[in-house]
Amino acid sequence: MRAFETRPAEDFEFSEVLYEKRDWVARITINRPFNYNAYSTPALRELATAFQDAAFDDSVAVIVYTGAGDRAFCTGGDVKEYEALYTARPRDYWKYMGLFRAYIESIVNAGKPAIARLNGMAVGGGNESQLACDLAVMAEHAWLGQVGTRVGSVAAGGATQWLPITVGDRRAREMLLLNGRVSSKQALDWGLVNRVVPSVTRDGAFVEGATPEQIRLAEKGEQGYALDLTLLDKAVGELVQRLLEQFAECTRYTKQQVNFWKELAWHGTIGHARDWLALHYTSYEPWEGMRAFVQKRRPDYLGLREKAAVGESSEFVWGPNAVDCPSCGAQGIPARFHYCGACGAALPGERA
């Protein structure tokens, strides 16, 4: 009897992750294309389980990580889930971040090289996920980016820690503060990925250096343009074969050594980030940013700044819980309420 028995991939019966193991390769796929492969809370559990199984299985030498379809590798956490669950129960976001941390660390600590197969956009936690991998191959139509400060959060799940040591301080700040798109060409130039391969075709022939307009037409399947991931799979396969021609223990320890700066930045900040983000989910910014995302509108960025500028509360939706009702004695009523929510009596004084 072995302490770590090998299990067939199909035994796990995942619902949001596709998992297969063959020919020395474990392939893990986020299977949520209906929302651009944003991971849900259950998906994080499944992903961590899959990576740990691949790490412990001696018949696996390389892990290939990707997303379903051809539009998205991963777009990070499910903002609709955040808005519905975690702005209502911020303490549960602390628990969620525990699952996210276990997921990211299951990639970093796998002991085997993980290749990110970037079949489409990698945004927010999706970019952090590909940063957690050892190597990345990117389809030309794909792009990378962060969105934290645009939706009321902070990209402290790998981006604030690893972008400075991957692309340098100034470029990291540009990605984190401006939340723009990083094209595949720019990603390669900056060292965010190892390879970029053509993925746009016209009338069946690959287009080298596809323009943004050609990518748009390919994504819509118009004017003879289409997306084709054949060369992406070929490039990933070539890296896999090269990795198979290395010694397993030396590869594992090389990964551990190279992880030094990544782990130093991660372990020095992730616990703090987990607690701060859970507390932050009680405030106005994530409430406004995530509701705006769900409602498909622009967040009122300046509105919150204007409140602070004139002395109003930019932290609480209806002001701080600072008023008591003289009629029924209810306490902790938001400062901008004109009437008591318990008894309906008018509250005295001016409301901010």
Protein backbone atom coordinates (compact mmCIF):
# COMPACT_ATOMS: atom_id res chain seq x y z
CA MET A 1 0.00 0.00 0.00
CA ARG A 2 1.36 3.40 -1.01
CA ALA A 3 0.81 6.52 1.08
CA PHE A 4 -0.08 8.51 -2.05
CA GLU A 5 -2.12 6.42 -4.44
CA THR A 6 -2.59 7.60 -8.01
CA ARG A 7 -6.19 8.44 -8.85
CA PRO A 8 -7.67 8.63 -12.35
CA ALA A 9 -8.60 12.19 -13.27
CA GLU A 10 -12.22 11.26 -13.91
CA ASP A 11 -12.63 10.06 -10.31
CA PHE A 12 -12.77 13.65 -9.09
CA GLU A 13 -16.06 14.45 -10.88
CA PHE A 14 -15.42 18.18 -10.94
CA SER A 15 -18.29 20.42 -12.03
CA GLU A 16 -16.45 23.62 -13.00
CA VAL A 17 -13.02 22.27 -13.94
CA LEU A 18 -11.97 19.87 -16.68
CA TYR A 19 -9.14 17.57 -15.59
CA GLU A 20 -7.21 14.97 -17.52
CA LYS A 21 -3.92 13.14 -17.13
CA ARG A 22 -2.12 11.35 -19.94
CA ASP A 23 1.33 11.10 -21.50
CA TRP A 24 3.01 12.61 -18.42
CA VAL A 25 0.88 15.76 -18.63
CA ALA A 26 -1.95 16.95 -16.37
CA ARG A 27 -4.30 19.35 -18.12
CA ILE A 28 -6.41 21.59 -15.92
CA THR A 29 -9.07 23.77 -17.55
CA ILE A 30 -11.40 26.31 -15.97
CA ASN A 31 -14.70 25.35 -17.57
CA ARG A 32 -16.86 28.45 -17.11
CA PRO A 33 -16.89 29.99 -20.61
CA PHE A 34 -20.33 31.52 -20.02
CA ASN A 35 -18.66 34.19 -17.86
CA TYR A 36 -15.22 34.25 -19.48
CA ASN A 37 -13.85 31.58 -17.13
CA ALA A 38 -14.14 33.70 -13.99
CA TYR A 39 -13.63 31.34 -11.08
CA SER A 40 -16.35 30.85 -8.50
CA THR A 41 -15.91 29.78 -4.89
CA PRO A 42 -16.52 26.09 -5.79
CA ALA A 43 -14.12 26.41 -8.74
CA LEU A 44 -11.31 27.53 -6.42
CA ARG A 45 -11.75 24.37 -4.36
CA GLU A 46 -11.69 22.20 -7.48
CA LEU A 47 -8.66 23.95 -8.95
CA ALA A 48 -6.62 23.56 -5.76
CA THR A 49 -7.58 19.89 -5.58
CA ALA A 50 -6.56 19.30 -9.20
CA PHE A 51 -3.19 21.02 -8.81
CA GLN A 52 -2.44 19.11 -5.61
CA ASP A 53 -3.36 15.79 -7.25
CA ALA A 54 -1.11 16.59 -10.21
CA ALA A 55 1.70 17.53 -7.81
CA PHE A 56 1.47 14.20 -5.98
CA ASP A 57 0.99 11.96 -9.02
CA ASP A 58 4.33 10.47 -10.14
CA SER A 59 2.90 9.82 -13.60
CA VAL A 60 2.59 13.60 -14.10
CA ALA A 61 5.68 15.57 -15.11
CA VAL A 62 4.16 18.82 -16.42
CA ILE A 63 0.95 20.71 -15.70
CA VAL A 64 -0.79 22.67 -18.46
CA TYR A 65 -3.32 25.21 -17.20
CA THR A 66 -5.87 26.90 -19.46
CA GLY A 67 -9.44 28.07 -19.88
CA ALA A 68 -12.31 26.68 -21.94
CA GLY A 69 -12.96 28.15 -25.37
CA ASP A 70 -10.96 30.78 -27.24
CA ARG A 71 -12.04 34.06 -25.64
CA ALA A 72 -10.70 33.86 -22.08
CA PHE A 73 -8.02 32.09 -20.09
CA CYS A 74 -9.49 33.45 -16.87
CA THR A 75 -11.01 36.77 -15.82
CA GLY A 76 -10.39 36.34 -12.11
CA GLY A 77 -13.05 36.19 -9.44
CA ASP A 78 -16.74 36.20 -10.33
CA VAL A 79 -17.72 39.82 -9.61
CA LYS A 80 -21.42 38.90 -9.67
CA GLU A 81 -20.71 36.41 -6.90
CA TYR A 82 -18.71 39.06 -5.01
CA GLU A 83 -21.59 41.53 -5.24
CA ALA A 84 -24.23 39.00 -4.26
CA LEU A 85 -22.37 37.26 -1.42
CA TYR A 86 -19.33 39.05 -0.13
CA THR A 87 -20.37 42.70 0.02
CA ALA A 88 -23.30 41.40 2.10
CA ARG A 89 -21.13 39.21 4.34
CA PRO A 90 -17.61 40.65 4.28
CA ARG A 91 -16.39 38.19 6.90
CA ASP A 92 -17.01 35.44 4.35
CA TYR A 93 -14.62 37.15 1.96
CA TRP A 94 -11.85 36.39 4.45
CA LYS A 95 -12.80 32.72 4.10
CA TYR A 96 -12.92 33.06 0.33
CA MET A 97 -9.43 34.54 0.32
CA GLY A 98 -8.27 31.47 2.23
CA LEU A 99 -9.50 29.32 -0.67
CA PHE A 100 -7.89 31.67 -3.20
CA ARG A 101 -4.59 31.55 -1.33
CA ALA A 102 -4.67 27.75 -1.28
CA TYR A 103 -5.37 27.74 -5.02
CA ILE A 104 -2.50 30.09 -5.92
CA GLU A 105 -0.10 28.25 -3.63
CA SER A 106 -1.12 24.92 -5.18
CA ILE A 107 0.34 26.23 -8.44
CA VAL A 108 3.48 27.80 -6.96
CA ASN A 109 4.18 24.76 -4.74
CA ALA A 110 3.31 22.03 -7.25
CA GLY A 111 6.94 20.89 -7.49
CA LYS A 112 6.42 20.49 -11.23
CA PRO A 113 6.53 23.08 -14.01
CA ALA A 114 3.16 24.66 -14.75
CA ILE A 115 2.56 26.13 -18.20
CA ALA A 116 -0.15 28.75 -18.64
CA ARG A 117 -1.81 28.18 -22.01
CA LEU A 118 -3.28 31.65 -22.60
CA ASN A 119 -6.12 30.94 -25.01
CA GLY A 120 -7.72 34.34 -24.44
CA MET A 121 -7.74 37.29 -22.06
CA ALA A 122 -6.18 36.87 -18.63
CA VAL A 123 -7.61 39.64 -16.48
CA GLY A 124 -7.48 40.39 -12.75
CA GLY A 125 -7.03 37.11 -10.91
CA GLY A 126 -6.56 35.49 -14.31
CA ASN A 127 -3.35 37.44 -14.83
CA GLU A 128 -2.34 36.60 -11.26
CA SER A 129 -3.00 32.94 -12.03
CA GLN A 130 -0.73 32.96 -15.08
CA LEU A 131 1.92 34.80 -13.04
CA ALA A 132 1.78 31.92 -10.53
CA CYS A 133 2.73 29.51 -13.34
CA ASP A 134 6.33 28.92 -14.41
CA LEU A 135 5.96 29.48 -18.15
CA ALA A 136 3.30 31.09 -20.32
CA VAL A 137 2.43 30.74 -24.00
CA MET A 138 -0.01 33.32 -25.34
CA ALA A 139 -2.32 33.36 -28.34
CA GLU A 140 -1.85 36.57 -30.31
CA HIS A 141 -5.48 37.67 -29.91
CA ALA A 142 -5.28 37.43 -26.10
CA TRP A 143 -4.47 40.27 -23.72
CA LEU A 144 -3.56 40.76 -20.07
CA GLY A 145 -4.70 43.29 -17.50
CA GLN A 146 -5.69 44.16 -13.96
CA VAL A 147 -8.98 45.73 -12.86
CA GLY A 148 -8.79 46.02 -9.06
CA THR A 149 -9.00 49.77 -8.46
CA ARG A 150 -11.67 50.06 -11.17
CA VAL A 151 -14.13 47.76 -9.38
CA GLY A 152 -13.44 48.67 -5.77
CA SER A 153 -10.75 46.13 -4.91
CA VAL A 154 -6.96 45.74 -4.86
CA ALA A 155 -5.04 43.25 -7.00
CA ALA A 156 -3.15 41.83 -4.01
CA GLY A 157 -3.61 38.19 -5.02
CA GLY A 158 -0.30 38.04 -6.86
CA ALA A 159 -0.24 41.17 -9.02
CA THR A 160 0.97 43.72 -6.47
CA GLN A 161 3.50 41.14 -5.31
CA TRP A 162 4.79 39.70 -8.58
CA LEU A 163 4.38 42.32 -11.29
CA PRO A 164 7.25 44.48 -9.90
CA ILE A 165 9.65 41.52 -9.98
CA THR A 166 8.39 40.40 -13.40
CA VAL A 167 8.11 43.61 -15.41
CA GLY A 168 9.71 46.24 -13.15
CA ASP A 169 8.29 48.85 -10.83
CA ARG A 170 7.09 51.46 -13.36
CA ARG A 171 5.36 48.98 -15.63
CA ALA A 172 3.79 47.27 -12.64
CA ARG A 173 2.39 50.57 -11.42
CA GLU A 174 1.02 51.33 -14.87
CA MET A 175 -0.83 48.02 -14.99
CA LEU A 176 -2.12 48.28 -11.42
CA LEU A 177 -3.07 51.96 -11.33
CA LEU A 178 -4.38 52.47 -14.87
CA ASN A 179 -5.94 49.04 -15.47
CA GLY A 180 -5.29 49.14 -19.22
CA ARG A 181 -4.93 46.30 -21.67
CA VAL A 182 -1.53 44.77 -22.30
CA SER A 183 -1.47 43.29 -25.79
CA SER A 184 0.24 40.00 -26.55
CA LYS A 185 3.13 41.82 -28.24
CA GLN A 186 3.59 44.11 -25.27
CA ALA A 187 3.30 41.17 -22.88
CA LEU A 188 6.14 39.43 -24.71
CA ASP A 189 8.25 42.60 -24.78
CA TRP A 190 7.71 43.13 -21.05
CA GLY A 191 8.53 39.53 -20.12
CA LEU A 192 5.02 38.67 -18.92
CA VAL A 193 4.96 35.61 -21.19
CA ASN A 194 7.52 33.35 -22.86
CA ARG A 195 5.96 32.85 -26.28
CA VAL A 196 3.29 34.48 -28.46
CA VAL A 197 1.87 32.58 -31.41
CA PRO A 198 -0.52 33.57 -34.23
CA SER A 199 -4.15 32.73 -33.53
CA VAL A 200 -6.05 34.78 -36.12
CA THR A 201 -6.77 33.26 -39.51
CA ARG A 202 -8.32 34.60 -42.68
CA ASP A 203 -9.77 32.09 -45.11
CA GLY A 204 -7.88 29.38 -43.22
CA ALA A 205 -4.43 31.00 -43.36
CA PHE A 206 -2.76 32.36 -40.24
CA VAL A 207 -2.29 36.13 -40.04
CA GLU A 208 1.07 37.17 -38.63
CA GLY A 209 0.93 40.23 -36.36
CA ALA A 210 -2.85 40.56 -36.40
CA THR A 211 -4.12 44.11 -35.88
CA PRO A 212 -6.76 44.98 -33.26
CA GLU A 213 -9.35 45.24 -36.03
CA GLN A 214 -8.42 41.82 -37.43
CA ILE A 215 -8.66 40.37 -33.92
CA ARG A 216 -12.10 41.94 -33.49
CA LEU A 217 -13.29 40.45 -36.79
CA ALA A 218 -11.85 37.04 -35.87
CA GLU A 219 -13.64 37.05 -32.53
CA LYS A 220 -16.89 37.81 -34.34
CA GLY A 221 -16.17 35.37 -37.16
CA GLU A 222 -16.66 38.02 -39.84
CA GLN A 223 -15.16 38.68 -43.30
CA GLY A 224 -13.42 35.31 -43.40
CA TYR A 225 -11.56 35.86 -40.14
CA ALA A 226 -11.56 33.27 -37.35
CA LEU A 227 -9.65 32.19 -34.27
CA ASP A 228 -7.51 29.05 -34.41
CA LEU A 229 -5.52 27.72 -31.43
CA THR A 230 -3.60 25.07 -33.35
CA LEU A 231 -0.27 26.91 -33.11
CA LEU A 232 -0.88 27.60 -29.42
CA ASP A 233 -1.23 23.89 -28.75
CA LYS A 234 1.84 23.18 -30.86
CA ALA A 235 3.95 25.70 -28.91
CA VAL A 236 2.73 24.34 -25.57
CA GLY A 237 3.45 20.81 -26.75
CA GLU A 238 7.01 21.76 -27.69
CA LEU A 239 7.63 23.18 -24.20
CA VAL A 240 6.17 20.06 -22.64
CA GLN A 241 8.52 17.83 -24.63
CA ARG A 242 11.54 19.89 -23.62
CA LEU A 243 10.51 19.75 -19.97
CA LEU A 244 10.14 15.98 -20.17
CA GLU A 245 13.81 15.77 -21.13
CA GLN A 246 14.96 17.06 -17.73
CA PHE A 247 15.45 15.23 -14.43
CA ALA A 248 12.40 15.41 -12.14
CA GLU A 249 14.13 16.13 -8.82
CA CYS A 250 16.43 18.74 -10.32
CA THR A 251 13.45 20.38 -11.98
CA ARG A 252 11.52 20.43 -8.70
CA TYR A 253 14.37 22.02 -6.77
CA THR A 254 15.12 24.51 -9.53
CA LYS A 255 11.50 25.66 -9.33
CA GLN A 256 11.79 25.95 -5.55
CA GLN A 257 14.95 28.03 -5.80
CA VAL A 258 13.55 30.33 -8.48
CA ASN A 259 10.43 30.77 -6.33
CA PHE A 260 12.47 32.59 -3.64
CA TRP A 261 11.56 36.18 -4.57
CA LYS A 262 8.02 35.20 -5.52
CA GLU A 263 7.44 33.50 -2.16
CA LEU A 264 9.14 36.29 -0.22
CA ALA A 265 6.81 38.88 -1.73
CA TRP A 266 3.77 36.62 -1.39
CA HIS A 267 4.14 35.44 2.20
CA GLY A 268 5.12 38.90 3.38
CA THR A 269 1.86 40.43 2.12
CA ILE A 270 -0.94 37.93 1.49
CA GLY A 271 -2.09 37.57 5.09
CA HIS A 272 -2.36 41.33 5.46
CA ALA A 273 -4.14 41.61 2.11
CA ARG A 274 -6.63 38.90 3.09
CA ASP A 275 -7.64 40.74 6.26
CA TRP A 276 -7.69 44.21 4.69
CA LEU A 277 -9.79 43.13 1.73
CA ALA A 278 -12.32 41.43 4.03
CA LEU A 279 -12.65 44.67 6.03
CA HIS A 280 -12.73 46.76 2.86
CA TYR A 281 -15.78 44.85 1.64
CA THR A 282 -17.80 46.64 4.33
CA SER A 283 -17.18 50.01 2.64
CA TYR A 284 -18.67 52.14 -0.13
CA GLU A 285 -16.09 51.49 -2.89
CA PRO A 286 -16.69 47.75 -3.45
CA TRP A 287 -20.45 48.26 -2.98
CA GLU A 288 -20.51 50.86 -5.75
CA GLY A 289 -17.89 49.28 -8.01
CA MET A 290 -19.34 45.79 -8.05
CA ARG A 291 -22.97 46.93 -8.33
CA ALA A 292 -21.91 49.05 -11.29
CA PHE A 293 -20.27 46.00 -12.89
CA VAL A 294 -23.39 43.89 -12.42
CA GLN A 295 -25.63 46.72 -13.64
CA LYS A 296 -23.30 47.32 -16.62
CA ARG A 297 -22.78 50.99 -15.91
CA ARG A 298 -19.85 53.25 -15.10
CA PRO A 299 -19.05 53.47 -11.37
CA ASP A 300 -19.49 56.90 -9.76
CA TYR A 301 -15.77 57.40 -9.12
CA LEU A 302 -15.95 61.19 -8.83
CA GLY A 303 -19.10 61.06 -6.74
CA LEU A 304 -17.23 59.37 -3.90
CA ARG A 305 -14.33 61.81 -4.22
CA GLU A 306 -16.73 64.74 -4.12
CA LYS A 307 -18.34 63.47 -0.94
CA ALA A 308 -14.94 63.34 0.77
CA ALA A 309 -13.99 66.78 -0.57
CA VAL A 310 -17.02 68.46 1.02
CA GLY A 311 -16.74 66.60 4.29
CA GLU A 312 -19.36 63.91 3.67
CA SER A 313 -18.72 60.20 4.12
CA SER A 314 -17.04 58.38 1.25
CA GLU A 315 -16.71 55.20 3.33
CA PHE A 316 -20.37 54.53 4.22
CA VAL A 317 -23.23 54.47 1.70
CA TRP A 318 -25.60 56.37 4.01
CA GLY A 319 -23.00 57.94 6.28
CA PRO A 320 -21.48 56.63 9.51
CA ASN A 321 -23.72 54.89 12.06
CA ALA A 322 -23.76 57.91 14.33
CA VAL A 323 -27.39 58.83 15.09
CA ASP A 324 -29.69 57.70 17.90
CA CYS A 325 -33.47 57.93 17.79
CA PRO A 326 -34.91 60.05 20.63
CA SER A 327 -38.33 58.41 20.23
CA CYS A 328 -37.55 54.68 20.53
CA GLY A 329 -33.89 54.73 21.55
CA ALA A 330 -32.60 52.91 18.46
CA GLN A 331 -28.89 53.46 18.09
CA GLY A 332 -26.34 53.42 15.27
CA ILE A 333 -28.66 54.89 12.63
CA PRO A 334 -26.81 56.07 9.47
CA ALA A 335 -26.12 59.79 9.58
CA ARG A 336 -27.99 60.57 6.34
CA PHE A 337 -31.26 58.96 7.46
CA HIS A 338 -34.11 61.43 8.00
CA TYR A 339 -36.35 58.90 9.74
CA CYS A 340 -35.75 56.10 12.20
CA GLY A 341 -35.81 52.71 10.54
CA ALA A 342 -37.17 51.10 13.70
CA CYS A 343 -40.10 53.32 14.63
CA GLY A 344 -40.40 55.74 11.71
CA ALA A 345 -40.00 58.86 13.81
CA ALA A 346 -38.36 61.92 12.26
CA LEU A 347 -34.77 62.33 13.36
CA PRO A 348 -33.65 65.71 14.66
CA GLY A 349 -30.86 67.83 13.19
CA GLU A 350 -29.48 68.29 9.69
CA ARG A 351 -28.39 65.28 7.71
CA ALA A 352 -25.01 65.13 5.93
